[in-house]
Amino acid sequence: MTTATPVRTVVCPTCGGPSLYAPENRWRPFCSERCRQIDLGAWASEEFRMPTEAPPDDAPYGDPRTQES
């Protein structure tokens, strides 16, 4: 008895279109190689960043570039 794997469609993270999420789609979860390359380019150029708190102010330690000897 062979069990058929249900076809699953997800939203492409790049274009928002439908994308087949199965081994037949070599670019999954993207719908195409183009969308995958767009995402890779955005990642490589650091467009995907996580918000962080600002680094602590250097005031307590002073800025070594402006200190007098």
N, C-alpha and C. Protein backbone atom coordinates (compact mmCIF):
# COMPACT_ATOMS: atom_id res chain seq x y z
N MET A 1 0.85 -1.19 0.00
CA MET A 1 0.00 0.00 0.00
C MET A 1 0.89 1.24 0.00
N THR A 2 0.65 2.13 -0.92
CA THR A 2 1.41 3.36 -1.04
C THR A 2 0.58 4.50 -0.47
N THR A 3 1.22 5.30 0.39
CA THR A 3 0.52 6.46 0.94
C THR A 3 1.00 7.70 0.21
N ALA A 4 0.08 8.44 -0.31
CA ALA A 4 0.41 9.65 -1.05
C ALA A 4 0.68 10.77 -0.06
N THR A 5 1.75 11.51 -0.32
CA THR A 5 2.09 12.65 0.51
C THR A 5 1.18 13.81 0.11
N PRO A 6 0.52 14.45 1.06
CA PRO A 6 -0.36 15.56 0.70
C PRO A 6 0.46 16.73 0.13
N VAL A 7 -0.11 17.36 -0.87
CA VAL A 7 0.55 18.51 -1.49
C VAL A 7 0.36 19.70 -0.56
N ARG A 8 1.46 20.33 -0.23
CA ARG A 8 1.41 21.47 0.68
C ARG A 8 1.88 22.70 -0.06
N THR A 9 1.12 23.75 -0.01
CA THR A 9 1.48 25.01 -0.64
C THR A 9 1.69 26.03 0.47
N VAL A 10 2.81 26.76 0.38
CA VAL A 10 3.11 27.81 1.35
C VAL A 10 3.26 29.12 0.61
N VAL A 11 3.35 30.19 1.35
CA VAL A 11 3.54 31.52 0.77
C VAL A 11 5.04 31.74 0.56
N CYS A 12 5.43 32.13 -0.64
CA CYS A 12 6.83 32.42 -0.93
C CYS A 12 7.26 33.62 -0.09
N PRO A 13 8.37 33.50 0.67
CA PRO A 13 8.81 34.60 1.52
C PRO A 13 9.21 35.86 0.75
N THR A 14 9.53 35.72 -0.52
CA THR A 14 9.99 36.88 -1.29
C THR A 14 8.85 37.59 -2.00
N CYS A 15 8.08 36.85 -2.81
CA CYS A 15 7.06 37.50 -3.63
C CYS A 15 5.65 37.37 -3.07
N GLY A 16 5.45 36.45 -2.10
CA GLY A 16 4.13 36.27 -1.52
C GLY A 16 3.23 35.36 -2.33
N GLY A 17 3.73 34.82 -3.42
CA GLY A 17 2.94 33.91 -4.25
C GLY A 17 2.94 32.51 -3.69
N PRO A 18 2.14 31.63 -4.30
CA PRO A 18 2.10 30.25 -3.82
C PRO A 18 3.38 29.50 -4.18
N SER A 19 3.82 28.65 -3.28
CA SER A 19 5.04 27.88 -3.49
C SER A 19 4.79 26.45 -3.03
N LEU A 20 5.09 25.49 -3.88
CA LEU A 20 4.95 24.09 -3.54
C LEU A 20 6.03 23.72 -2.54
N TYR A 21 5.64 23.22 -1.39
CA TYR A 21 6.60 22.81 -0.37
C TYR A 21 6.70 21.30 -0.40
N ALA A 22 7.51 20.84 -1.34
CA ALA A 22 7.71 19.41 -1.54
C ALA A 22 9.07 19.20 -2.18
N PRO A 23 9.60 17.98 -2.12
CA PRO A 23 10.91 17.71 -2.72
C PRO A 23 10.99 18.06 -4.21
N GLU A 24 9.86 18.07 -4.89
CA GLU A 24 9.85 18.43 -6.31
C GLU A 24 10.24 19.88 -6.55
N ASN A 25 10.04 20.74 -5.55
CA ASN A 25 10.40 22.15 -5.68
C ASN A 25 11.79 22.34 -5.07
N ARG A 26 12.80 22.40 -5.90
CA ARG A 26 14.17 22.48 -5.40
C ARG A 26 14.49 23.82 -4.74
N TRP A 27 13.63 24.82 -4.87
CA TRP A 27 13.89 26.13 -4.26
C TRP A 27 13.04 26.37 -3.02
N ARG A 28 12.37 25.34 -2.53
CA ARG A 28 11.46 25.55 -1.40
C ARG A 28 12.18 26.19 -0.22
N PRO A 29 11.62 27.09 0.52
CA PRO A 29 10.22 27.50 0.49
C PRO A 29 9.92 28.57 -0.54
N PHE A 30 10.88 28.89 -1.39
CA PHE A 30 10.66 29.91 -2.43
C PHE A 30 9.96 29.28 -3.62
N CYS A 31 9.30 30.11 -4.42
CA CYS A 31 8.57 29.58 -5.57
C CYS A 31 9.47 29.40 -6.78
N SER A 32 10.61 30.08 -6.80
CA SER A 32 11.49 29.99 -7.96
C SER A 32 12.93 30.31 -7.57
N GLU A 33 13.83 30.03 -8.48
CA GLU A 33 15.24 30.36 -8.24
C GLU A 33 15.42 31.87 -8.12
N ARG A 34 14.65 32.63 -8.89
CA ARG A 34 14.74 34.10 -8.82
C ARG A 34 14.43 34.61 -7.42
N CYS A 35 13.35 34.12 -6.82
CA CYS A 35 13.00 34.56 -5.46
C CYS A 35 14.07 34.13 -4.46
N ARG A 36 14.62 32.95 -4.64
CA ARG A 36 15.68 32.48 -3.75
C ARG A 36 16.91 33.38 -3.85
N GLN A 37 17.27 33.79 -5.07
CA GLN A 37 18.43 34.65 -5.27
C GLN A 37 18.20 36.05 -4.70
N ILE A 38 16.99 36.55 -4.83
CA ILE A 38 16.67 37.86 -4.25
C ILE A 38 16.85 37.80 -2.74
N ASP A 39 16.35 36.75 -2.11
CA ASP A 39 16.47 36.59 -0.66
C ASP A 39 17.94 36.46 -0.26
N LEU A 40 18.70 35.67 -1.00
CA LEU A 40 20.12 35.49 -0.70
C LEU A 40 20.86 36.82 -0.82
N GLY A 41 20.56 37.61 -1.84
CA GLY A 41 21.19 38.92 -2.01
C GLY A 41 20.87 39.86 -0.86
N ALA A 42 19.63 39.84 -0.40
CA ALA A 42 19.24 40.69 0.73
C ALA A 42 19.96 40.25 2.00
N TRP A 43 20.10 38.95 2.18
CA TRP A 43 20.82 38.44 3.36
C TRP A 43 22.30 38.83 3.29
N ALA A 44 22.90 38.66 2.11
CA ALA A 44 24.33 38.95 1.95
C ALA A 44 24.64 40.43 2.13
N SER A 45 23.71 41.29 1.77
CA SER A 45 23.95 42.73 1.91
C SER A 45 23.46 43.25 3.27
N GLU A 46 23.16 42.32 4.16
CA GLU A 46 22.75 42.61 5.54
C GLU A 46 21.48 43.44 5.64
N GLU A 47 20.54 43.23 4.70
CA GLU A 47 19.25 43.91 4.78
C GLU A 47 18.38 43.32 5.88
N PHE A 48 18.63 42.05 6.24
CA PHE A 48 17.89 41.41 7.31
C PHE A 48 18.66 41.63 8.61
N ARG A 49 18.15 42.49 9.44
CA ARG A 49 18.81 42.77 10.71
C ARG A 49 17.80 42.68 11.83
N MET A 50 18.28 42.25 12.97
CA MET A 50 17.44 42.18 14.15
C MET A 50 17.62 43.47 14.93
N PRO A 51 16.52 44.07 15.37
CA PRO A 51 16.67 45.28 16.17
C PRO A 51 17.35 44.95 17.50
N THR A 52 18.25 45.81 17.90
CA THR A 52 18.95 45.63 19.17
C THR A 52 18.95 46.94 19.93
N GLU A 53 19.29 46.84 21.19
CA GLU A 53 19.42 48.06 21.97
C GLU A 53 20.70 48.76 21.55
N ALA A 54 20.73 50.05 21.68
CA ALA A 54 21.92 50.82 21.33
C ALA A 54 23.06 50.42 22.28
N PRO A 55 24.28 50.43 21.79
CA PRO A 55 25.39 50.09 22.69
C PRO A 55 25.49 51.12 23.81
N PRO A 56 26.09 50.74 24.92
CA PRO A 56 26.20 51.69 26.02
C PRO A 56 27.02 52.91 25.63
N ASP A 57 26.66 54.01 26.22
CA ASP A 57 27.38 55.25 25.96
C ASP A 57 28.81 55.14 26.51
N ASP A 58 29.76 55.69 25.81
CA ASP A 58 31.16 55.64 26.24
C ASP A 58 31.49 56.68 27.32
N ALA A 59 30.53 57.46 27.76
CA ALA A 59 30.79 58.54 28.71
C ALA A 59 31.52 58.08 29.98
N PRO A 60 31.13 56.98 30.61
CA PRO A 60 31.84 56.59 31.84
C PRO A 60 33.32 56.26 31.61
N TYR A 61 33.65 55.84 30.43
CA TYR A 61 35.03 55.44 30.14
C TYR A 61 35.79 56.48 29.34
N GLY A 62 35.06 57.35 28.71
CA GLY A 62 35.71 58.37 27.89
C GLY A 62 36.07 57.81 26.53
N ASP A 63 36.22 58.69 25.61
CA ASP A 63 36.60 58.31 24.26
C ASP A 63 38.10 58.43 24.15
N PRO A 64 38.83 57.35 23.93
CA PRO A 64 40.29 57.41 23.91
C PRO A 64 40.82 58.30 22.79
N ARG A 65 40.04 58.57 21.79
CA ARG A 65 40.50 59.43 20.70
C ARG A 65 40.51 60.90 21.09
N THR A 66 39.77 61.26 22.15
CA THR A 66 39.67 62.66 22.53
C THR A 66 40.31 62.98 23.87
N GLN A 67 40.90 61.98 24.53
CA GLN A 67 41.50 62.21 25.85
C GLN A 67 42.82 62.95 25.70
N GLU A 68 43.02 63.85 26.65
CA GLU A 68 44.29 64.59 26.67
C GLU A 68 45.32 63.79 27.44
N SER A 69 46.55 63.87 27.03
CA SER A 69 47.63 63.14 27.72
C SER A 69 48.15 63.91 28.87
